[in-house]
């Protein structure tokens, strides 16, 4: 499969950002979101472009897989739906965890980030990144 020049640059940019950044640094994909880890293992994804659930899942999946080194089968749970960032950003964020929230996991056929306890595997979440790369 041959990648378009913009896809190659985005892929290279992500690789360079991840290989040269400390673990505490923000990970960015295609300037759509910033992702960082909060205390207690909470992963916060801050939207930079819009309110797409796919962007939030993509950020959580990339962070959990590439930065935290978790296997693709690891489950990611919505810890807190869309709301203000804990890091002081004025942009909306969603918080995720690798552990179920206090109310437990939710079985849903939706990718909604408004359902606390909703879950995807890292592989499923990262598929949204692939869709974004193709559609951008």
N, C-alpha and C. Protein backbone atom coordinates (compact mmCIF):
# COMPACT_ATOMS: atom_id res chain seq x y z
N UNK A 1 0.84 -1.17 0.00
CA UNK A 1 0.00 0.00 0.00
C UNK A 1 0.89 1.24 0.00
N UNK A 2 0.62 2.11 -0.92
CA UNK A 2 1.41 3.34 -1.01
C UNK A 2 0.67 4.46 -0.29
N UNK A 3 1.38 5.17 0.59
CA UNK A 3 0.78 6.26 1.36
C UNK A 3 0.94 7.57 0.62
N UNK A 4 -0.06 8.41 0.74
CA UNK A 4 0.03 9.77 0.20
C UNK A 4 1.07 10.54 1.01
N UNK A 5 1.68 11.58 0.42
CA UNK A 5 2.71 12.34 1.14
C UNK A 5 2.25 12.85 2.50
N UNK A 6 0.98 13.30 2.61
CA UNK A 6 0.53 13.82 3.91
C UNK A 6 0.43 12.70 4.93
N UNK A 7 0.07 11.49 4.50
CA UNK A 7 -0.01 10.37 5.43
C UNK A 7 1.38 9.97 5.90
N UNK A 8 2.36 10.01 5.00
CA UNK A 8 3.73 9.67 5.37
C UNK A 8 4.23 10.67 6.40
N UNK A 9 3.99 11.96 6.18
CA UNK A 9 4.45 12.98 7.13
C UNK A 9 3.79 12.81 8.48
N UNK A 10 2.49 12.52 8.51
CA UNK A 10 1.81 12.32 9.79
C UNK A 10 2.37 11.11 10.50
N UNK A 11 2.59 10.03 9.77
CA UNK A 11 3.14 8.82 10.37
C UNK A 11 4.54 9.09 10.90
N UNK A 12 5.35 9.78 10.11
CA UNK A 12 6.71 10.10 10.55
C UNK A 12 6.67 11.03 11.75
N UNK A 13 5.78 12.01 11.74
CA UNK A 13 5.68 12.95 12.84
C UNK A 13 5.31 12.26 14.14
N UNK A 14 4.38 11.31 14.07
CA UNK A 14 3.98 10.57 15.27
C UNK A 14 5.15 9.74 15.77
N UNK A 15 5.86 9.08 14.86
CA UNK A 15 6.99 8.26 15.26
C UNK A 15 8.06 9.11 15.91
N UNK A 16 8.38 10.25 15.31
CA UNK A 16 9.40 11.13 15.89
C UNK A 16 8.95 11.67 17.24
N UNK A 17 7.69 12.06 17.33
CA UNK A 17 7.19 12.60 18.60
C UNK A 17 7.25 11.55 19.69
N UNK A 18 6.88 10.33 19.38
CA UNK A 18 6.86 9.29 20.39
C UNK A 18 8.26 8.82 20.76
N UNK A 19 9.18 8.83 19.78
CA UNK A 19 10.51 8.33 20.08
C UNK A 19 11.37 9.35 20.82
N UNK A 20 11.04 10.63 20.70
CA UNK A 20 11.89 11.63 21.33
C UNK A 20 11.25 12.26 22.57
N UNK A 21 10.00 11.93 22.88
CA UNK A 21 9.32 12.56 24.01
C UNK A 21 9.45 11.71 25.26
N UNK A 22 9.56 12.37 26.42
CA UNK A 22 9.53 11.61 27.67
C UNK A 22 8.13 11.06 27.90
N UNK A 23 8.01 10.04 28.75
CA UNK A 23 6.72 9.41 28.99
C UNK A 23 5.68 10.39 29.51
N UNK A 24 6.08 11.42 30.18
CA UNK A 24 5.12 12.37 30.73
C UNK A 24 4.67 13.40 29.69
N UNK A 25 5.28 13.40 28.52
CA UNK A 25 4.94 14.39 27.50
C UNK A 25 3.60 14.08 26.87
N UNK A 26 3.04 15.10 26.24
CA UNK A 26 1.80 14.91 25.53
C UNK A 26 2.06 14.19 24.21
N UNK A 27 1.19 13.26 23.85
CA UNK A 27 1.26 12.59 22.56
C UNK A 27 0.21 13.22 21.67
N UNK A 28 0.56 13.53 20.44
CA UNK A 28 -0.37 14.19 19.53
C UNK A 28 -0.46 13.40 18.24
N UNK A 29 -1.68 13.25 17.73
CA UNK A 29 -1.89 12.60 16.44
C UNK A 29 -2.57 13.58 15.51
N UNK A 30 -1.94 13.89 14.41
CA UNK A 30 -2.56 14.70 13.37
C UNK A 30 -3.18 16.00 13.89
N UNK A 31 -2.65 16.55 14.96
CA UNK A 31 -3.15 17.80 15.54
C UNK A 31 -4.63 17.73 15.86
N UNK A 32 -5.13 16.56 16.22
CA UNK A 32 -6.55 16.40 16.57
C UNK A 32 -6.76 16.35 18.08
N UNK A 33 -5.76 15.92 18.83
CA UNK A 33 -5.91 15.81 20.28
C UNK A 33 -4.54 15.76 20.95
N UNK A 34 -4.56 16.11 22.24
CA UNK A 34 -3.39 15.93 23.10
C UNK A 34 -3.79 14.92 24.16
N UNK A 35 -2.85 14.10 24.56
CA UNK A 35 -3.15 13.05 25.53
C UNK A 35 -2.07 13.05 26.60
N UNK A 36 -2.49 12.92 27.85
CA UNK A 36 -1.54 12.87 28.96
C UNK A 36 -2.11 11.98 30.05
N UNK A 37 -1.24 11.53 30.94
CA UNK A 37 -1.68 10.68 32.04
C UNK A 37 -1.79 11.53 33.31
N UNK A 38 -2.95 11.42 33.96
CA UNK A 38 -3.21 12.10 35.22
C UNK A 38 -2.91 11.14 36.37
N UNK A 39 -2.96 11.62 37.61
CA UNK A 39 -2.77 10.71 38.74
C UNK A 39 -3.79 9.56 38.71
N UNK A 40 -3.46 8.48 39.36
CA UNK A 40 -4.31 7.29 39.46
C UNK A 40 -4.50 6.59 38.12
N UNK A 41 -3.57 6.83 37.17
CA UNK A 41 -3.63 6.12 35.90
C UNK A 41 -4.70 6.59 34.94
N UNK A 42 -5.31 7.73 35.19
CA UNK A 42 -6.34 8.26 34.29
C UNK A 42 -5.64 8.86 33.06
N UNK A 43 -6.15 8.53 31.89
CA UNK A 43 -5.63 9.06 30.62
C UNK A 43 -6.61 10.14 30.16
N UNK A 44 -6.11 11.37 30.03
CA UNK A 44 -6.97 12.46 29.57
C UNK A 44 -6.64 12.80 28.13
N UNK A 45 -7.69 12.81 27.29
CA UNK A 45 -7.55 13.15 25.89
C UNK A 45 -8.26 14.48 25.67
N UNK A 46 -7.52 15.47 25.20
CA UNK A 46 -8.04 16.82 24.98
C UNK A 46 -8.26 17.02 23.48
N UNK A 47 -9.47 17.36 23.12
CA UNK A 47 -9.81 17.59 21.72
C UNK A 47 -9.24 18.91 21.24
N UNK A 48 -8.63 18.91 20.07
CA UNK A 48 -8.11 20.14 19.49
C UNK A 48 -8.94 20.61 18.29
N UNK A 49 -9.67 19.69 17.66
CA UNK A 49 -10.40 20.02 16.44
C UNK A 49 -11.91 19.97 16.59
N UNK A 50 -12.42 18.98 17.27
CA UNK A 50 -13.88 18.84 17.33
C UNK A 50 -14.29 17.80 18.34
N UNK A 51 -15.60 17.55 18.42
CA UNK A 51 -16.12 16.67 19.46
C UNK A 51 -16.27 15.21 19.06
N UNK A 52 -15.54 14.75 18.07
CA UNK A 52 -15.70 13.38 17.58
C UNK A 52 -15.27 12.34 18.62
N UNK A 53 -16.15 11.40 18.91
CA UNK A 53 -15.81 10.30 19.82
C UNK A 53 -14.61 9.53 19.28
N UNK A 54 -14.54 9.39 17.95
CA UNK A 54 -13.43 8.65 17.34
C UNK A 54 -12.08 9.28 17.68
N UNK A 55 -12.02 10.61 17.71
CA UNK A 55 -10.76 11.28 18.05
C UNK A 55 -10.33 10.97 19.48
N UNK A 56 -11.30 10.99 20.40
CA UNK A 56 -10.97 10.69 21.79
C UNK A 56 -10.49 9.24 21.94
N UNK A 57 -11.21 8.29 21.32
CA UNK A 57 -10.80 6.88 21.41
C UNK A 57 -9.42 6.68 20.78
N UNK A 58 -9.18 7.34 19.65
CA UNK A 58 -7.88 7.25 18.98
C UNK A 58 -6.76 7.69 19.94
N UNK A 59 -6.95 8.83 20.58
CA UNK A 59 -5.93 9.34 21.51
C UNK A 59 -5.68 8.40 22.67
N UNK A 60 -6.75 7.86 23.23
CA UNK A 60 -6.61 6.93 24.36
C UNK A 60 -5.92 5.64 23.91
N UNK A 61 -6.29 5.14 22.74
CA UNK A 61 -5.69 3.90 22.23
C UNK A 61 -4.22 4.07 21.92
N UNK A 62 -3.87 5.19 21.30
CA UNK A 62 -2.46 5.43 20.99
C UNK A 62 -1.63 5.58 22.26
N UNK A 63 -2.14 6.30 23.22
CA UNK A 63 -1.39 6.52 24.45
C UNK A 63 -1.19 5.20 25.19
N UNK A 64 -2.27 4.44 25.35
CA UNK A 64 -2.18 3.17 26.09
C UNK A 64 -1.26 2.18 25.38
N UNK A 65 -1.30 2.15 24.05
CA UNK A 65 -0.47 1.21 23.31
C UNK A 65 0.97 1.67 23.14
N UNK A 66 1.14 2.89 22.61
CA UNK A 66 2.49 3.36 22.27
C UNK A 66 3.27 3.90 23.46
N UNK A 67 2.63 4.64 24.34
CA UNK A 67 3.34 5.25 25.46
C UNK A 67 3.41 4.30 26.66
N UNK A 68 2.26 3.69 27.00
CA UNK A 68 2.25 2.79 28.17
C UNK A 68 2.68 1.37 27.82
N UNK A 69 2.72 1.04 26.52
CA UNK A 69 3.19 -0.28 26.09
C UNK A 69 2.25 -1.43 26.43
N UNK A 70 0.97 -1.15 26.53
CA UNK A 70 0.00 -2.20 26.85
C UNK A 70 -0.35 -3.01 25.61
N UNK A 71 -0.69 -4.30 25.78
CA UNK A 71 -1.07 -5.14 24.64
C UNK A 71 -2.36 -4.65 23.97
N UNK A 72 -2.51 -4.97 22.70
CA UNK A 72 -3.67 -4.53 21.91
C UNK A 72 -4.99 -5.02 22.47
N UNK A 73 -4.98 -6.11 23.21
CA UNK A 73 -6.23 -6.67 23.75
C UNK A 73 -6.67 -5.99 25.05
N UNK A 74 -5.83 -5.12 25.62
CA UNK A 74 -6.16 -4.42 26.87
C UNK A 74 -7.39 -3.56 26.67
N UNK A 75 -8.30 -3.58 27.63
CA UNK A 75 -9.52 -2.78 27.56
C UNK A 75 -9.26 -1.37 28.08
N UNK A 76 -9.89 -0.40 27.41
CA UNK A 76 -9.87 1.00 27.81
C UNK A 76 -11.30 1.37 28.17
N UNK A 77 -11.49 2.03 29.31
CA UNK A 77 -12.82 2.38 29.80
C UNK A 77 -12.99 3.89 29.87
N UNK A 78 -14.17 4.38 29.51
CA UNK A 78 -14.48 5.79 29.73
C UNK A 78 -14.63 5.98 31.24
N UNK A 79 -13.81 6.84 31.80
CA UNK A 79 -13.83 7.13 33.23
C UNK A 79 -14.73 8.33 33.52
N UNK A 80 -14.62 9.35 32.64
CA UNK A 80 -15.45 10.54 32.73
C UNK A 80 -15.74 11.01 31.32
N UNK A 81 -17.01 11.28 31.03
CA UNK A 81 -17.39 11.75 29.70
C UNK A 81 -16.84 13.14 29.42
N UNK A 82 -17.22 13.66 28.28
CA UNK A 82 -16.73 14.96 27.82
C UNK A 82 -16.94 16.03 28.89
N UNK A 83 -15.89 16.80 29.17
CA UNK A 83 -15.96 17.86 30.18
C UNK A 83 -14.70 18.69 30.15
N UNK A 84 -14.53 19.59 31.10
CA UNK A 84 -13.34 20.44 31.13
C UNK A 84 -12.07 19.62 31.41
N UNK A 85 -10.98 20.09 30.87
CA UNK A 85 -9.70 19.44 31.09
C UNK A 85 -9.21 19.66 32.52
N UNK A 86 -8.63 18.63 33.10
CA UNK A 86 -8.02 18.76 34.43
C UNK A 86 -6.68 19.48 34.37
N UNK A 87 -6.10 19.54 33.17
CA UNK A 87 -4.79 20.16 33.01
C UNK A 87 -4.83 21.64 32.72
N UNK A 88 -6.00 22.26 32.78
CA UNK A 88 -6.08 23.70 32.58
C UNK A 88 -6.39 24.13 31.15
N UNK A 89 -6.50 23.19 30.22
CA UNK A 89 -6.83 23.56 28.85
C UNK A 89 -8.27 24.06 28.80
N UNK A 90 -8.54 24.97 27.88
CA UNK A 90 -9.90 25.44 27.70
C UNK A 90 -10.68 24.53 26.75
N UNK A 91 -10.03 23.55 26.18
CA UNK A 91 -10.66 22.61 25.25
C UNK A 91 -11.32 21.47 26.04
N UNK A 92 -12.36 20.86 25.47
CA UNK A 92 -13.00 19.72 26.15
C UNK A 92 -12.09 18.50 26.17
N UNK A 93 -12.33 17.65 27.16
CA UNK A 93 -11.55 16.42 27.26
C UNK A 93 -12.44 15.27 27.68
N UNK A 94 -11.92 14.06 27.50
CA UNK A 94 -12.55 12.84 28.00
C UNK A 94 -11.48 12.10 28.78
N UNK A 95 -11.87 11.50 29.90
CA UNK A 95 -10.91 10.75 30.70
C UNK A 95 -11.20 9.26 30.57
N UNK A 96 -10.11 8.50 30.40
CA UNK A 96 -10.16 7.05 30.23
C UNK A 96 -9.32 6.39 31.31
N UNK A 97 -9.52 5.10 31.49
CA UNK A 97 -8.70 4.32 32.42
C UNK A 97 -8.56 2.91 31.87
N UNK A 98 -7.53 2.23 32.31
CA UNK A 98 -7.37 0.82 31.96
C UNK A 98 -8.11 -0.07 32.96
N UNK A 99 -8.68 0.54 33.97
CA UNK A 99 -9.50 -0.16 34.97
C UNK A 99 -10.92 0.35 34.86
N UNK A 100 -11.91 -0.51 35.10
CA UNK A 100 -13.30 -0.05 35.05
C UNK A 100 -13.56 1.05 36.08
N UNK A 101 -14.46 1.99 35.77
CA UNK A 101 -14.80 3.04 36.74
C UNK A 101 -15.60 2.45 37.90
N UNK A 102 -15.82 3.23 38.95
CA UNK A 102 -16.54 2.71 40.12
C UNK A 102 -17.89 2.06 39.81
N UNK A 103 -18.61 2.55 38.81
CA UNK A 103 -19.90 1.97 38.44
C UNK A 103 -19.78 0.69 37.62
N UNK A 104 -18.55 0.32 37.24
CA UNK A 104 -18.32 -0.89 36.48
C UNK A 104 -18.31 -0.68 34.98
N UNK A 105 -17.96 -1.74 34.28
CA UNK A 105 -17.91 -1.72 32.83
C UNK A 105 -19.33 -1.76 32.26
N UNK A 106 -19.49 -1.17 31.08
CA UNK A 106 -20.77 -1.16 30.38
C UNK A 106 -20.58 -1.91 29.06
N UNK A 107 -21.49 -2.79 28.75
CA UNK A 107 -21.49 -3.46 27.45
C UNK A 107 -22.34 -2.61 26.52
N UNK A 108 -21.73 -2.06 25.50
CA UNK A 108 -22.43 -1.16 24.59
C UNK A 108 -21.98 -1.43 23.16
N UNK A 109 -22.88 -1.23 22.23
CA UNK A 109 -22.53 -1.36 20.81
C UNK A 109 -22.14 0.01 20.25
N UNK A 110 -21.97 0.99 21.12
CA UNK A 110 -21.69 2.36 20.73
C UNK A 110 -20.24 2.71 21.07
N UNK A 111 -19.71 3.69 20.35
CA UNK A 111 -18.39 4.21 20.71
C UNK A 111 -18.52 5.50 21.52
N UNK A 112 -19.69 5.76 22.06
CA UNK A 112 -19.94 7.00 22.80
C UNK A 112 -18.95 7.18 23.94
N UNK A 113 -18.47 8.42 24.06
CA UNK A 113 -17.61 8.76 25.19
C UNK A 113 -18.42 9.42 26.29
N UNK A 114 -19.73 9.45 26.14
CA UNK A 114 -20.62 10.00 27.16
C UNK A 114 -21.10 8.91 28.11
N UNK A 115 -20.87 7.64 27.77
CA UNK A 115 -21.31 6.53 28.60
C UNK A 115 -20.14 6.10 29.49
N UNK A 116 -20.20 6.49 30.76
CA UNK A 116 -19.13 6.12 31.70
C UNK A 116 -19.13 4.60 31.83
N UNK A 117 -17.97 3.99 31.66
CA UNK A 117 -17.84 2.54 31.70
C UNK A 117 -17.83 1.91 30.32
N UNK A 118 -18.16 2.71 29.28
CA UNK A 118 -18.08 2.18 27.92
C UNK A 118 -16.64 1.76 27.66
N UNK A 119 -16.43 0.78 26.82
CA UNK A 119 -15.09 0.21 26.67
C UNK A 119 -14.81 -0.24 25.25
N UNK A 120 -13.55 -0.18 24.90
CA UNK A 120 -13.01 -0.73 23.66
C UNK A 120 -11.65 -1.32 24.01
N UNK A 121 -11.18 -2.23 23.17
CA UNK A 121 -9.80 -2.69 23.32
C UNK A 121 -8.89 -1.62 22.73
N UNK A 122 -7.62 -1.67 23.07
CA UNK A 122 -6.66 -0.74 22.47
C UNK A 122 -6.69 -0.87 20.95
N UNK A 123 -6.75 -2.09 20.44
CA UNK A 123 -6.78 -2.30 18.99
C UNK A 123 -8.00 -1.63 18.36
N UNK A 124 -9.16 -1.78 18.99
CA UNK A 124 -10.38 -1.15 18.46
C UNK A 124 -10.24 0.38 18.49
N UNK A 125 -9.71 0.91 19.58
CA UNK A 125 -9.54 2.36 19.70
C UNK A 125 -8.56 2.88 18.65
N UNK A 126 -7.48 2.15 18.43
CA UNK A 126 -6.48 2.58 17.45
C UNK A 126 -7.02 2.51 16.02
N UNK A 127 -8.02 1.68 15.78
CA UNK A 127 -8.63 1.64 14.44
C UNK A 127 -9.22 2.99 14.06
N UNK A 128 -9.67 3.76 15.03
CA UNK A 128 -10.19 5.09 14.73
C UNK A 128 -9.08 6.00 14.24
N UNK A 129 -7.86 5.80 14.67
CA UNK A 129 -6.72 6.57 14.16
C UNK A 129 -6.51 6.25 12.68
N UNK A 130 -6.60 4.96 12.36
CA UNK A 130 -6.42 4.55 10.98
C UNK A 130 -7.49 5.15 10.08
N UNK A 131 -8.74 5.18 10.56
CA UNK A 131 -9.82 5.79 9.79
C UNK A 131 -9.55 7.26 9.57
N UNK A 132 -9.04 7.94 10.59
CA UNK A 132 -8.75 9.37 10.46
C UNK A 132 -7.64 9.61 9.44
N UNK A 133 -6.62 8.76 9.44
CA UNK A 133 -5.51 8.92 8.50
C UNK A 133 -5.99 8.77 7.06
N UNK A 134 -6.92 7.86 6.83
CA UNK A 134 -7.46 7.63 5.49
C UNK A 134 -8.37 8.78 5.08
N UNK A 135 -9.17 9.28 6.01
CA UNK A 135 -10.16 10.32 5.70
C UNK A 135 -9.58 11.73 5.66
N UNK A 136 -8.42 11.95 6.24
CA UNK A 136 -7.84 13.31 6.27
C UNK A 136 -7.21 13.68 4.96
